[in-house]
Protein backbone atom coordinates (compact mmCIF):
# COMPACT_ATOMS: atom_id res chain seq x y z
CA MET A 1 0.01 -0.01 0.00
CA ARG A 2 1.34 3.41 -1.10
CA ARG A 3 1.05 6.30 1.42
CA THR A 4 1.43 9.88 0.43
CA LEU A 5 2.63 12.40 3.06
CA VAL A 6 0.48 15.65 2.92
CA ASP A 7 1.22 18.79 4.90
CA PRO A 8 -1.76 19.38 7.25
CA LYS A 9 -1.81 23.06 6.31
CA GLU A 10 -2.93 22.09 2.85
CA PHE A 11 -6.27 20.56 4.01
CA ILE A 12 -9.36 22.47 3.14
CA GLN A 13 -11.94 22.34 5.88
CA SER A 14 -15.51 21.31 4.81
CA GLY A 15 -18.68 22.03 6.81
CA PHE A 16 -18.75 24.77 9.50
CA THR A 17 -15.75 26.86 9.81
CA SER A 18 -14.29 28.10 13.04
CA PRO A 19 -15.88 31.18 14.50
CA ALA A 20 -12.39 32.74 14.75
CA GLU A 21 -11.61 32.22 11.06
CA GLU A 22 -13.14 35.56 10.18
CA TYR A 23 -10.40 37.31 12.12
CA ALA A 24 -7.73 35.70 10.14
CA VAL A 25 -8.60 37.75 7.08
CA PRO A 26 -6.87 41.02 7.01
CA ASP A 27 -9.11 44.08 7.36
CA LEU A 28 -9.39 45.95 4.05
CA ARG A 29 -8.70 49.63 4.82
CA LEU A 30 -8.17 51.70 1.77
CA ASP A 31 -6.62 54.55 3.73
CA HIS A 32 -3.78 52.27 4.54
CA LEU A 33 -3.19 51.59 0.94
CA MET A 34 -3.91 55.05 -0.49
CA ILE A 35 -2.20 57.39 1.94
CA ARG A 36 1.60 57.64 2.12
CA ASP A 37 1.73 60.20 4.96
CA PRO A 38 -1.57 61.06 6.80
CA GLU A 39 -0.21 64.41 7.98
CA ALA A 40 0.58 65.53 4.29
CA THR A 41 -2.47 63.99 2.50
CA TYR A 42 -5.57 65.96 1.88
CA PRO A 43 -8.76 65.46 -0.28
CA ALA A 44 -9.97 67.69 -3.16
CA ARG A 45 -12.66 67.32 -5.75
CA MET A 46 -12.23 67.88 -9.51
CA GLN A 47 -14.14 70.58 -11.15
CA GLY A 48 -14.06 70.87 -14.99
CA LYS A 49 -13.07 68.55 -17.79
CA ALA A 50 -9.40 69.50 -18.24
CA MET A 51 -8.09 66.15 -16.98
CA GLU A 52 -10.67 63.79 -18.33
CA LYS A 53 -8.38 62.07 -20.80
CA ALA A 54 -6.06 61.27 -17.85
CA GLY A 55 -8.90 59.38 -16.21
CA ILE A 56 -9.91 62.25 -13.83
CA ALA A 57 -13.52 63.05 -14.55
CA GLU A 58 -15.49 65.94 -13.23
CA GLY A 59 -16.68 65.22 -9.73
CA SER A 60 -13.85 62.76 -9.01
CA TYR A 61 -12.51 62.72 -5.54
CA LEU A 62 -8.73 63.24 -5.32
CA LEU A 63 -6.10 62.77 -2.70
CA PHE A 64 -3.05 64.95 -2.91
CA ASP A 65 0.17 64.82 -1.04
CA ARG A 66 1.91 68.02 0.00
CA GLY A 67 5.09 66.13 0.89
CA ILE A 68 6.06 64.93 -2.61
CA ASP A 69 8.23 67.10 -4.80
CA PRO A 70 6.74 67.17 -8.27
CA LYS A 71 8.63 65.59 -11.05
CA ASN A 72 7.94 65.87 -14.82
CA GLY A 73 4.74 64.04 -15.82
CA ASP A 74 3.24 64.28 -12.33
CA ILE A 75 -0.36 65.53 -12.01
CA VAL A 76 -0.22 68.57 -9.62
CA TYR A 77 -2.62 70.64 -7.66
CA VAL A 78 -1.45 74.33 -7.86
CA TRP A 79 -2.68 77.80 -7.22
CA TYR A 80 -1.83 80.02 -10.27
CA ASP A 81 -3.20 83.33 -11.34
CA ASN A 82 -5.89 83.33 -8.55
CA GLU A 83 -7.17 79.91 -9.69
CA LYS A 84 -6.75 76.36 -8.35
CA LEU A 85 -5.69 74.07 -11.18
CA ILE A 86 -5.02 70.29 -11.58
CA ARG A 87 -2.68 69.80 -14.46
CA PHE A 88 0.30 67.81 -15.70
CA TYR A 89 3.64 69.31 -14.56
CA GLU A 90 6.67 69.81 -16.70
CA LYS A 91 9.88 71.68 -15.69
CA HIS A 92 12.83 72.26 -17.85
CA GLY A 93 15.51 74.42 -16.16
CA GLN A 94 13.61 77.35 -14.63
CA LYS A 95 10.75 77.00 -17.07
CA ILE A 96 7.47 75.34 -15.78
CA THR A 97 4.65 74.36 -18.10
CA LEU A 98 1.28 73.19 -16.84
CA TYR A 99 -0.86 71.24 -19.38
CA ALA A 100 -4.25 69.58 -19.53
CA ALA A 101 -4.88 66.03 -20.61
CA THR A 102 -8.00 67.06 -22.63
CA PRO A 103 -7.60 68.82 -26.01
CA GLY A 104 -8.87 72.33 -26.25
CA TYR A 105 -7.38 73.48 -22.92
CA PRO A 106 -4.30 75.64 -23.42
CA SER A 107 -0.94 74.89 -21.84
CA ILE A 108 0.14 77.36 -19.29
CA GLN A 109 3.69 78.71 -19.32
CA VAL A 110 4.21 79.88 -15.71
CA GLU A 111 5.37 83.38 -15.69
CA SER A 112 4.27 84.68 -12.39
CA GLU A 113 4.31 83.04 -8.94
CA LEU A 114 3.05 79.53 -8.74
CA LYS A 115 2.01 78.11 -5.40
CA PHE A 116 2.47 74.34 -5.42
CA ILE A 117 -0.23 72.65 -3.29
CA GLY A 118 0.51 68.95 -3.89
CA VAL A 119 0.95 65.98 -6.19
CA VAL A 120 -2.33 64.19 -6.96
CA THR A 121 -1.76 60.58 -5.90
CA TRP A 122 -5.23 59.05 -6.30
CA ALA A 123 -8.46 59.74 -8.05
CA ASN A 124 -11.76 57.96 -7.70
CA LYS A 125 -15.37 58.44 -8.58
CA CYS A 126 -18.42 57.21 -6.68
CA LEU A 127 -20.33 54.89 -9.02
CA CYS A 128 -23.38 54.54 -6.82
CA PRO A 129 -24.22 57.92 -5.50
CA ARG A 130 -27.73 56.91 -4.51
CA MET A 131 -26.15 54.79 -1.73
CA PHE A 132 -23.88 57.49 -0.57
CA PRO A 133 -26.01 60.73 -0.26
CA LEU A 134 -23.27 62.69 1.54
CA VAL A 135 -20.99 62.35 -1.48
CA LYS A 136 -22.76 65.19 -3.25
CA GLN A 137 -22.39 67.56 -0.38
CA TRP A 138 -18.69 67.27 0.21
């Protein structure tokens, strides 16, 4: 008779599981996955259609991080010419250009003071607003 040795950890339990088994599954907390530094991360909401082609639709909720230095190609949140903007960032030497993802929006050659607010790290949109009525008020 041939016997096969099997690791007991490989057995799958059938029937009723242990009541403690639900605690073995890690808790899914998106804030742990999405926030690099809680003290430097803030929410914002997208207005306008300038970044739709980059996947940021109007009404999307954004997280931006004030502790990240912008690099070329990053999506940044800035205060420029008395307006808050979310745009792609490009810097060559001392010349900074902000450009939209959607055609029809002009590129901005930064000539006056630019106040950098943060780098956009996440964007998401509520797909079932009827279940989350407070989403519209934020």
